Amino acid sequence: MDEFQRQKLARQKVFNLTLASVMAQVGLLTVVVLGVALWVGMTLDAHYGTRPLWTIVLVVLSVPLTIGGMLWVVRRASRRLEDESPSEGEQQQ
């Protein structure tokens, strides 16, 4: 295996690990935001006696928050990948 192939495999490994990291972060973010929305909604419903109202409202409001968080995580990872990728001149050598 020559040096070019080793570098290519190393870049692929970094890319794969970054994708796995992004998927894990997005999954954890979704679970945490939804869990907090459920817990706060159920607590407010128990306190005010409005059984499903606050839970439903907060779960629905958590959807755009989760999507925004996902976009933030993906953009940050994309920027990191672009910064780590070699320039065109380095690729041709």
PDB file of N, CA and C in Angstrom:
ATOM      1  N   MET A   1       0.856  -1.174   0.000  1.00  0.00           N
ATOM      2  CA  MET A   1       0.000   0.000   0.000  1.00  0.00           C
ATOM      3  C   MET A   1       0.905   1.240   0.000  1.00  0.00           C
ATOM      4  N   ASP A   2       0.708   2.120  -0.961  1.00  0.00           N
ATOM      5  CA  ASP A   2       1.550   3.305  -1.030  1.00  0.00           C
ATOM      6  C   ASP A   2       1.011   4.423  -0.133  1.00  0.00           C
ATOM      7  N   GLU A   3       1.763   5.503  -0.078  1.00  0.00           N
ATOM      8  CA  GLU A   3       1.447   6.622   0.822  1.00  0.00           C
ATOM      9  C   GLU A   3       0.103   7.275   0.471  1.00  0.00           C
ATOM     10  N   PHE A   4      -0.194   7.398  -0.815  1.00  0.00           N
ATOM     11  CA  PHE A   4      -1.453   8.017  -1.233  1.00  0.00           C
ATOM     12  C   PHE A   4      -2.654   7.222  -0.713  1.00  0.00           C
ATOM     13  N   GLN A   5      -2.588   5.904  -0.819  1.00  0.00           N
ATOM     14  CA  GLN A   5      -3.683   5.071  -0.350  1.00  0.00           C
ATOM     15  C   GLN A   5      -3.831   5.151   1.166  1.00  0.00           C
ATOM     16  N   ARG A   6      -2.709   5.220   1.887  1.00  0.00           N
ATOM     17  CA  ARG A   6      -2.769   5.366   3.346  1.00  0.00           C
ATOM     18  C   ARG A   6      -3.431   6.680   3.741  1.00  0.00           C
ATOM     19  N   GLN A   7      -3.074   7.745   3.037  1.00  0.00           N
ATOM     20  CA  GLN A   7      -3.676   9.050   3.330  1.00  0.00           C
ATOM     21  C   GLN A   7      -5.174   9.032   3.018  1.00  0.00           C
ATOM     22  N   LYS A   8      -5.529   8.391   1.925  1.00  0.00           N
ATOM     23  CA  LYS A   8      -6.935   8.299   1.544  1.00  0.00           C
ATOM     24  C   LYS A   8      -7.726   7.520   2.599  1.00  0.00           C
ATOM     25  N   LEU A   9      -7.173   6.412   3.078  1.00  0.00           N
ATOM     26  CA  LEU A   9      -7.828   5.633   4.130  1.00  0.00           C
ATOM     27  C   LEU A   9      -7.927   6.416   5.435  1.00  0.00           C
ATOM     28  N   ALA A  10      -6.909   7.186   5.746  1.00  0.00           N
ATOM     29  CA  ALA A  10      -6.935   7.996   6.965  1.00  0.00           C
ATOM     30  C   ALA A  10      -8.031   9.056   6.876  1.00  0.00           C
ATOM     31  N   ARG A  11      -8.142   9.699   5.707  1.00  0.00           N
ATOM     32  CA  ARG A  11      -9.211  10.705   5.524  1.00  0.00           C
ATOM     33  C   ARG A  11     -10.589  10.062   5.611  1.00  0.00           C
ATOM     34  N   GLN A  12     -10.733   8.872   5.042  1.00  0.00           N
ATOM     35  CA  GLN A  12     -12.018   8.160   5.098  1.00  0.00           C
ATOM     36  C   GLN A  12     -12.358   7.789   6.540  1.00  0.00           C
ATOM     37  N   LYS A  13     -11.364   7.393   7.297  1.00  0.00           N
ATOM     38  CA  LYS A  13     -11.593   7.049   8.698  1.00  0.00           C
ATOM     39  C   LYS A  13     -12.061   8.267   9.491  1.00  0.00           C
ATOM     40  N   VAL A  14     -11.420   9.404   9.271  1.00  0.00           N
ATOM     41  CA  VAL A  14     -11.828  10.642   9.951  1.00  0.00           C
ATOM     42  C   VAL A  14     -13.254  11.001   9.560  1.00  0.00           C
ATOM     43  N   PHE A  15     -13.568  10.879   8.285  1.00  0.00           N
ATOM     44  CA  PHE A  15     -14.916  11.186   7.808  1.00  0.00           C
ATOM     45  C   PHE A  15     -15.948  10.271   8.461  1.00  0.00           C
ATOM     46  N   ASN A  16     -15.667   8.963   8.494  1.00  0.00           N
ATOM     47  CA  ASN A  16     -16.599   8.005   9.101  1.00  0.00           C
ATOM     48  C   ASN A  16     -16.794   8.265  10.585  1.00  0.00           C
ATOM     49  N   LEU A  17     -15.712   8.558  11.297  1.00  0.00           N
ATOM     50  CA  LEU A  17     -15.826   8.849  12.726  1.00  0.00           C
ATOM     51  C   LEU A  17     -16.610  10.140  12.975  1.00  0.00           C
ATOM     52  N   THR A  18     -16.429  11.112  12.114  1.00  0.00           N
ATOM     53  CA  THR A  18     -17.185  12.358  12.250  1.00  0.00           C
ATOM     54  C   THR A  18     -18.670  12.119  12.020  1.00  0.00           C
ATOM     55  N   LEU A  19     -19.000  11.321  11.006  1.00  0.00           N
ATOM     56  CA  LEU A  19     -20.411  10.995  10.756  1.00  0.00           C
ATOM     57  C   LEU A  19     -21.029  10.248  11.938  1.00  0.00           C
ATOM     58  N   ALA A  20     -20.303   9.297  12.490  1.00  0.00           N
ATOM     59  CA  ALA A  20     -20.810   8.556  13.652  1.00  0.00           C
ATOM     60  C   ALA A  20     -21.007   9.492  14.834  1.00  0.00           C
ATOM     61  N   SER A  21     -20.090  10.402  15.013  1.00  0.00           N
ATOM     62  CA  SER A  21     -20.202  11.380  16.103  1.00  0.00           C
ATOM     63  C   SER A  21     -21.421  12.273  15.917  1.00  0.00           C
ATOM     64  N   VAL A  22     -21.645  12.728  14.695  1.00  0.00           N
ATOM     65  CA  VAL A  22     -22.801  13.589  14.412  1.00  0.00           C
ATOM     66  C   VAL A  22     -24.104  12.836  14.670  1.00  0.00           C
ATOM     67  N   MET A  23     -24.171  11.588  14.225  1.00  0.00           N
ATOM     68  CA  MET A  23     -25.398  10.801  14.450  1.00  0.00           C
ATOM     69  C   MET A  23     -25.651  10.608  15.940  1.00  0.00           C
ATOM     70  N   ALA A  24     -24.604  10.340  16.692  1.00  0.00           N
ATOM     71  CA  ALA A  24     -24.763  10.155  18.133  1.00  0.00           C
ATOM     72  C   ALA A  24     -25.204  11.451  18.813  1.00  0.00           C
ATOM     73  N   GLN A  25     -24.621  12.562  18.412  1.00  0.00           N
ATOM     74  CA  GLN A  25     -24.985  13.848  18.999  1.00  0.00           C
ATOM     75  C   GLN A  25     -26.427  14.218  18.687  1.00  0.00           C
ATOM     76  N   VAL A  26     -26.842  13.994  17.448  1.00  0.00           N
ATOM     77  CA  VAL A  26     -28.219  14.304  17.053  1.00  0.00           C
ATOM     78  C   VAL A  26     -29.205  13.420  17.812  1.00  0.00           C
ATOM     79  N   GLY A  27     -28.891  12.141  17.932  1.00  0.00           N
ATOM     80  CA  GLY A  27     -29.769  11.236  18.668  1.00  0.00           C
ATOM     81  C   GLY A  27     -29.879  11.612  20.132  1.00  0.00           C
ATOM     82  N   LEU A  28     -28.754  11.921  20.747  1.00  0.00           N
ATOM     83  CA  LEU A  28     -28.763  12.318  22.158  1.00  0.00           C
ATOM     84  C   LEU A  28     -29.497  13.642  22.352  1.00  0.00           C
ATOM     85  N   LEU A  29     -29.269  14.579  21.452  1.00  0.00           N
ATOM     86  CA  LEU A  29     -29.954  15.869  21.526  1.00  0.00           C
ATOM     87  C   LEU A  29     -31.467  15.685  21.464  1.00  0.00           C
ATOM     88  N   THR A  30     -31.925  14.849  20.558  1.00  0.00           N
ATOM     89  CA  THR A  30     -33.361  14.599  20.409  1.00  0.00           C
ATOM     90  C   THR A  30     -33.948  14.005  21.688  1.00  0.00           C
ATOM     91  N   VAL A  31     -33.279  13.007  22.238  1.00  0.00           N
ATOM     92  CA  VAL A  31     -33.774  12.360  23.448  1.00  0.00           C
ATOM     93  C   VAL A  31     -33.786  13.334  24.624  1.00  0.00           C
ATOM     94  N   VAL A  32     -32.731  14.121  24.769  1.00  0.00           N
ATOM     95  CA  VAL A  32     -32.649  15.053  25.896  1.00  0.00           C
ATOM     96  C   VAL A  32     -33.722  16.136  25.793  1.00  0.00           C
ATOM     97  N   VAL A  33     -33.865  16.746  24.622  1.00  0.00           N
ATOM     98  CA  VAL A  33     -34.854  17.821  24.465  1.00  0.00           C
ATOM     99  C   VAL A  33     -36.266  17.283  24.679  1.00  0.00           C
ATOM    100  N   LEU A  34     -36.567  16.142  24.097  1.00  0.00           N
ATOM    101  CA  LEU A  34     -37.894  15.559  24.274  1.00  0.00           C
ATOM    102  C   LEU A  34     -38.126  15.156  25.730  1.00  0.00           C
ATOM    103  N   GLY A  35     -37.121  14.582  26.360  1.00  0.00           N
ATOM    104  CA  GLY A  35     -37.250  14.195  27.767  1.00  0.00           C
ATOM    105  C   GLY A  35     -37.484  15.386  28.679  1.00  0.00           C
ATOM    106  N   VAL A  36     -36.756  16.456  28.456  1.00  0.00           N
ATOM    107  CA  VAL A  36     -36.943  17.666  29.269  1.00  0.00           C
ATOM    108  C   VAL A  36     -38.329  18.249  29.026  1.00  0.00           C
ATOM    109  N   ALA A  37     -38.773  18.292  27.774  1.00  0.00           N
ATOM    110  CA  ALA A  37     -40.106  18.813  27.465  1.00  0.00           C
ATOM    111  C   ALA A  37     -41.190  17.981  28.152  1.00  0.00           C
ATOM    112  N   LEU A  38     -41.049  16.664  28.109  1.00  0.00           N
ATOM    113  CA  LEU A  38     -42.025  15.796  28.773  1.00  0.00           C
ATOM    114  C   LEU A  38     -42.024  16.007  30.283  1.00  0.00           C
ATOM    115  N   TRP A  39     -40.841  16.036  30.869  1.00  0.00           N
ATOM    116  CA  TRP A  39     -40.745  16.188  32.324  1.00  0.00           C
ATOM    117  C   TRP A  39     -41.311  17.531  32.785  1.00  0.00           C
ATOM    118  N   VAL A  40     -40.921  18.609  32.118  1.00  0.00           N
ATOM    119  CA  VAL A  40     -41.425  19.936  32.497  1.00  0.00           C
ATOM    120  C   VAL A  40     -42.926  20.012  32.255  1.00  0.00           C
ATOM    121  N   GLY A  41     -43.400  19.484  31.128  1.00  0.00           N
ATOM    122  CA  GLY A  41     -44.834  19.508  30.828  1.00  0.00           C
ATOM    123  C   GLY A  41     -45.644  18.728  31.846  1.00  0.00           C
ATOM    124  N   MET A  42     -45.183  17.549  32.212  1.00  0.00           N
ATOM    125  CA  MET A  42     -45.908  16.752  33.207  1.00  0.00           C
ATOM    126  C   MET A  42     -45.869  17.403  34.584  1.00  0.00           C
ATOM    127  N   THR A  43     -44.739  18.043  34.917  1.00  0.00           N
ATOM    128  CA  THR A  43     -44.641  18.748  36.196  1.00  0.00           C
ATOM    129  C   THR A  43     -45.606  19.927  36.238  1.00  0.00           C
ATOM    130  N   LEU A  44     -45.651  20.696  35.167  1.00  0.00           N
ATOM    131  CA  LEU A  44     -46.586  21.832  35.118  1.00  0.00           C
ATOM    132  C   LEU A  44     -48.037  21.355  35.137  1.00  0.00           C
ATOM    133  N   ASP A  45     -48.328  20.284  34.417  1.00  0.00           N
ATOM    134  CA  ASP A  45     -49.684  19.737  34.420  1.00  0.00           C
ATOM    135  C   ASP A  45     -50.079  19.271  35.820  1.00  0.00           C
ATOM    136  N   ALA A  46     -49.174  18.640  36.531  1.00  0.00           N
ATOM    137  CA  ALA A  46     -49.482  18.179  37.887  1.00  0.00           C
ATOM    138  C   ALA A  46     -49.671  19.362  38.835  1.00  0.00           C
ATOM    139  N   HIS A  47     -48.871  20.391  38.647  1.00  0.00           N
ATOM    140  CA  HIS A  47     -48.964  21.558  39.530  1.00  0.00           C
ATOM    141  C   HIS A  47     -50.237  22.363  39.290  1.00  0.00           C
ATOM    142  N   TYR A  48     -50.611  22.565  38.046  1.00  0.00           N
ATOM    143  CA  TYR A  48     -51.770  23.397  37.718  1.00  0.00           C
ATOM    144  C   TYR A  48     -53.037  22.584  37.476  1.00  0.00           C
ATOM    145  N   GLY A  49     -52.956  21.278  37.443  1.00  0.00           N
ATOM    146  CA  GLY A  49     -54.132  20.448  37.232  1.00  0.00           C
ATOM    147  C   GLY A  49     -54.686  20.510  35.815  1.00  0.00           C
ATOM    148  N   THR A  50     -53.828  20.738  34.874  1.00  0.00           N
ATOM    149  CA  THR A  50     -54.237  20.832  33.458  1.00  0.00           C
ATOM    150  C   THR A  50     -53.701  19.631  32.705  1.00  0.00           C
ATOM    151  N   ARG A  51     -54.084  18.469  33.073  1.00  0.00           N
ATOM    152  CA  ARG A  51     -53.518  17.169  32.710  1.00  0.00           C
ATOM    153  C   ARG A  51     -52.696  17.125  31.405  1.00  0.00           C
ATOM    154  N   PRO A  52     -53.236  17.155  30.216  1.00  0.00           N
ATOM    155  CA  PRO A  52     -52.313  16.974  29.076  1.00  0.00           C
ATOM    156  C   PRO A  52     -51.857  18.276  28.421  1.00  0.00           C
ATOM    157  N   LEU A  53     -52.383  19.413  28.842  1.00  0.00           N
ATOM    158  CA  LEU A  53     -52.158  20.667  28.111  1.00  0.00           C
ATOM    159  C   LEU A  53     -50.685  21.031  27.994  1.00  0.00           C
ATOM    160  N   TRP A  54     -49.995  21.218  29.108  1.00  0.00           N
ATOM    161  CA  TRP A  54     -48.603  21.663  29.065  1.00  0.00           C
ATOM    162  C   TRP A  54     -47.682  20.612  28.451  1.00  0.00           C
ATOM    163  N   THR A  55     -47.977  19.367  28.682  1.00  0.00           N
ATOM    164  CA  THR A  55     -47.147  18.306  28.099  1.00  0.00           C
ATOM    165  C   THR A  55     -47.220  18.357  26.578  1.00  0.00           C
ATOM    166  N   ILE A  56     -48.417  18.464  26.038  1.00  0.00           N
ATOM    167  CA  ILE A  56     -48.584  18.512  24.579  1.00  0.00           C
ATOM    168  C   ILE A  56     -47.949  19.771  24.004  1.00  0.00           C
ATOM    169  N   VAL A  57     -48.178  20.915  24.646  1.00  0.00           N
ATOM    170  CA  VAL A  57     -47.631  22.179  24.152  1.00  0.00           C
ATOM    171  C   VAL A  57     -46.109  22.129  24.127  1.00  0.00           C
ATOM    172  N   LEU A  58     -45.504  21.670  25.202  1.00  0.00           N
ATOM    173  CA  LEU A  58     -44.042  21.656  25.260  1.00  0.00           C
ATOM    174  C   LEU A  58     -43.424  20.610  24.328  1.00  0.00           C
ATOM    175  N   VAL A  59     -44.088  19.479  24.148  1.00  0.00           N
ATOM    176  CA  VAL A  59     -43.568  18.487  23.205  1.00  0.00           C
ATOM    177  C   VAL A  59     -43.638  19.030  21.779  1.00  0.00           C
ATOM    178  N   VAL A  60     -44.724  19.693  21.434  1.00  0.00           N
ATOM    179  CA  VAL A  60     -44.846  20.280  20.094  1.00  0.00           C
ATOM    180  C   VAL A  60     -43.800  21.378  19.896  1.00  0.00           C
ATOM    181  N   LEU A  61     -43.578  22.204  20.930  1.00  0.00           N
ATOM    182  CA  LEU A  61     -42.575  23.268  20.818  1.00  0.00           C
ATOM    183  C   LEU A  61     -41.148  22.725  20.799  1.00  0.00           C
ATOM    184  N   SER A  62     -40.954  21.522  21.300  1.00  0.00           N
ATOM    185  CA  SER A  62     -39.605  20.951  21.297  1.00  0.00           C
ATOM    186  C   SER A  62     -39.168  20.502  19.898  1.00  0.00           C
ATOM    187  N   VAL A  63     -40.116  20.294  19.003  1.00  0.00           N
ATOM    188  CA  VAL A  63     -39.776  19.833  17.650  1.00  0.00           C
ATOM    189  C   VAL A  63     -38.919  20.863  16.908  1.00  0.00           C
ATOM    190  N   PRO A  64     -39.332  22.147  16.809  1.00  0.00           N
ATOM    191  CA  PRO A  64     -38.464  23.101  16.115  1.00  0.00           C
ATOM    192  C   PRO A  64     -37.132  23.317  16.834  1.00  0.00           C
ATOM    193  N   LEU A  65     -37.152  23.232  18.158  1.00  0.00           N
ATOM    194  CA  LEU A  65     -35.915  23.360  18.914  1.00  0.00           C
ATOM    195  C   LEU A  65     -34.955  22.218  18.579  1.00  0.00           C
ATOM    196  N   THR A  66     -35.488  21.024  18.483  1.00  0.00           N
ATOM    197  CA  THR A  66     -34.670  19.861  18.138  1.00  0.00           C
ATOM    198  C   THR A  66     -34.136  19.970  16.712  1.00  0.00           C
ATOM    199  N   ILE A  67     -34.960  20.398  15.784  1.00  0.00           N
ATOM    200  CA  ILE A  67     -34.509  20.551  14.392  1.00  0.00           C
ATOM    201  C   ILE A  67     -33.413  21.612  14.301  1.00  0.00           C
ATOM    202  N   GLY A  68     -33.589  22.719  15.010  1.00  0.00           N
ATOM    203  CA  GLY A  68     -32.550  23.751  15.039  1.00  0.00           C
ATOM    204  C   GLY A  68     -31.249  23.231  15.632  1.00  0.00           C
ATOM    205  N   GLY A  69     -31.354  22.439  16.673  1.00  0.00           N
ATOM    206  CA  GLY A  69     -30.166  21.844  17.268  1.00  0.00           C
ATOM    207  C   GLY A  69     -29.481  20.885  16.326  1.00  0.00           C
ATOM    208  N   MET A  70     -30.268  20.111  15.602  1.00  0.00           N
ATOM    209  CA  MET A  70     -29.697  19.179  14.617  1.00  0.00           C
ATOM    210  C   MET A  70     -28.938  19.946  13.535  1.00  0.00           C
ATOM    211  N   LEU A  71     -29.535  21.006  13.029  1.00  0.00           N
ATOM    212  CA  LEU A  71     -28.867  21.804  11.994  1.00  0.00           C
ATOM    213  C   LEU A  71     -27.568  22.393  12.515  1.00  0.00           C
ATOM    214  N   TRP A  72     -27.568  22.849  13.760  1.00  0.00           N
ATOM    215  CA  TRP A  72     -26.364  23.419  14.361  1.00  0.00           C
ATOM    216  C   TRP A  72     -25.255  22.372  14.453  1.00  0.00           C
ATOM    217  N   VAL A  73     -25.602  21.175  14.920  1.00  0.00           N
ATOM    218  CA  VAL A  73     -24.619  20.100  15.059  1.00  0.00           C
ATOM    219  C   VAL A  73     -24.060  19.713  13.688  1.00  0.00           C
ATOM    220  N   VAL A  74     -24.920  19.579  12.695  1.00  0.00           N
ATOM    221  CA  VAL A  74     -24.477  19.178  11.358  1.00  0.00           C
ATOM    222  C   VAL A  74     -23.609  20.257  10.717  1.00  0.00           C
ATOM    223  N   ARG A  75     -23.990  21.510  10.865  1.00  0.00           N
ATOM    224  CA  ARG A  75     -23.185  22.601  10.298  1.00  0.00           C
ATOM    225  C   ARG A  75     -21.806  22.654  10.944  1.00  0.00           C
ATOM    226  N   ARG A  76     -21.768  22.490  12.252  1.00  0.00           N
ATOM    227  CA  ARG A  76     -20.495  22.518  12.967  1.00  0.00           C
ATOM    228  C   ARG A  76     -19.591  21.371  12.490  1.00  0.00           C
ATOM    229  N   ALA A  77     -20.165  20.191  12.333  1.00  0.00           N
ATOM    230  CA  ALA A  77     -19.386  19.040  11.861  1.00  0.00           C
ATOM    231  C   ALA A  77     -18.935  19.250  10.414  1.00  0.00           C
ATOM    232  N   SER A  78     -19.785  19.821   9.586  1.00  0.00           N
ATOM    233  CA  SER A  78     -19.414  20.079   8.188  1.00  0.00           C
ATOM    234  C   SER A  78     -18.245  21.054   8.115  1.00  0.00           C
ATOM    235  N   ARG A  79     -18.297  22.089   8.931  1.00  0.00           N
ATOM    236  CA  ARG A  79     -17.203  23.049   8.965  1.00  0.00           C
ATOM    237  C   ARG A  79     -15.899  22.375   9.395  1.00  0.00           C
ATOM    238  N   ARG A  80     -15.996  21.504  10.387  1.00  0.00           N
ATOM    239  CA  ARG A  80     -14.819  20.795  10.877  1.00  0.00           C
ATOM    240  C   ARG A  80     -14.234  19.905   9.777  1.00  0.00           C
ATOM    241  N   LEU A  81     -15.101  19.225   9.029  1.00  0.00           N
ATOM    242  CA  LEU A  81     -14.625  18.375   7.938  1.00  0.00           C
ATOM    243  C   LEU A  81     -13.969  19.199   6.832  1.00  0.00           C
ATOM    244  N   GLU A  82     -14.547  20.346   6.512  1.00  0.00           N
ATOM    245  CA  GLU A  82     -13.963  21.200   5.477  1.00  0.00           C
ATOM    246  C   GLU A  82     -12.605  21.722   5.901  1.00  0.00           C
ATOM    247  N   ASP A  83     -12.457  22.065   7.181  1.00  0.00           N
ATOM    248  CA  ASP A  83     -11.178  22.565   7.675  1.00  0.00           C
ATOM    249  C   ASP A  83     -10.097  21.489   7.645  1.00  0.00           C
ATOM    250  N   GLU A  84     -10.490  20.231   7.842  1.00  0.00           N
ATOM    251  CA  GLU A  84      -9.519  19.141   7.879  1.00  0.00           C
ATOM    252  C   GLU A  84      -9.192  18.583   6.503  1.00  0.00           C
ATOM    253  N   SER A  85     -10.025  18.873   5.499  1.00  0.00           N
ATOM    254  CA  SER A  85      -9.758  18.316   4.171  1.00  0.00           C
ATOM    255  C   SER A  85      -8.598  19.071   3.530  1.00  0.00           C
ATOM    256  N   PRO A  86      -7.743  18.361   2.818  1.00  0.00           N
ATOM    257  CA  PRO A  86      -6.595  19.009   2.169  1.00  0.00           C
ATOM    258  C   PRO A  86      -7.038  19.864   0.994  1.00  0.00           C
ATOM    259  N   SER A  87      -6.214  20.826   0.662  1.00  0.00           N
ATOM    260  CA  SER A  87      -6.545  21.674  -0.485  1.00  0.00           C
ATOM    261  C   SER A  87      -6.370  20.893  -1.774  1.00  0.00           C
ATOM    262  N   GLU A  88      -6.833  21.451  -2.889  1.00  0.00           N
ATOM    263  CA  GLU A  88      -6.772  20.746  -4.175  1.00  0.00           C
ATOM    264  C   GLU A  88      -5.341  20.468  -4.607  1.00  0.00           C
ATOM    265  N   GLY A  89      -4.425  21.386  -4.305  1.00  0.00           N
ATOM    266  CA  GLY A  89      -3.026  21.201  -4.669  1.00  0.00           C
ATOM    267  C   GLY A  89      -2.414  20.016  -3.966  1.00  0.00           C
ATOM    268  N   GLU A  90      -2.779  19.807  -2.708  1.00  0.00           N
ATOM    269  CA  GLU A  90      -2.251  18.661  -1.954  1.00  0.00           C
ATOM    270  C   GLU A  90      -2.840  17.351  -2.451  1.00  0.00           C
ATOM    271  N   GLN A  91      -4.078  17.353  -2.924  1.00  0.00           N
ATOM    272  CA  GLN A  91      -4.713  16.141  -3.397  1.00  0.00           C
ATOM    273  C   GLN A  91      -4.081  15.635  -4.673  1.00  0.00           C
ATOM    274  N   GLN A  92      -3.646  16.538  -5.557  1.00  0.00           N
ATOM    275  CA  GLN A  92      -3.109  16.121  -6.848  1.00  0.00           C
ATOM    276  C   GLN A  92      -1.697  15.599  -6.743  1.00  0.00           C
ATOM    277  N   GLN A  93      -0.971  15.907  -5.711  1.00  0.00           N
ATOM    278  CA  GLN A  93       0.423  15.466  -5.577  1.00  0.00           C
ATOM    279  C   GLN A  93       0.545  14.062  -5.185  1.00  0.00           C
TER     280      GLN A  93
END
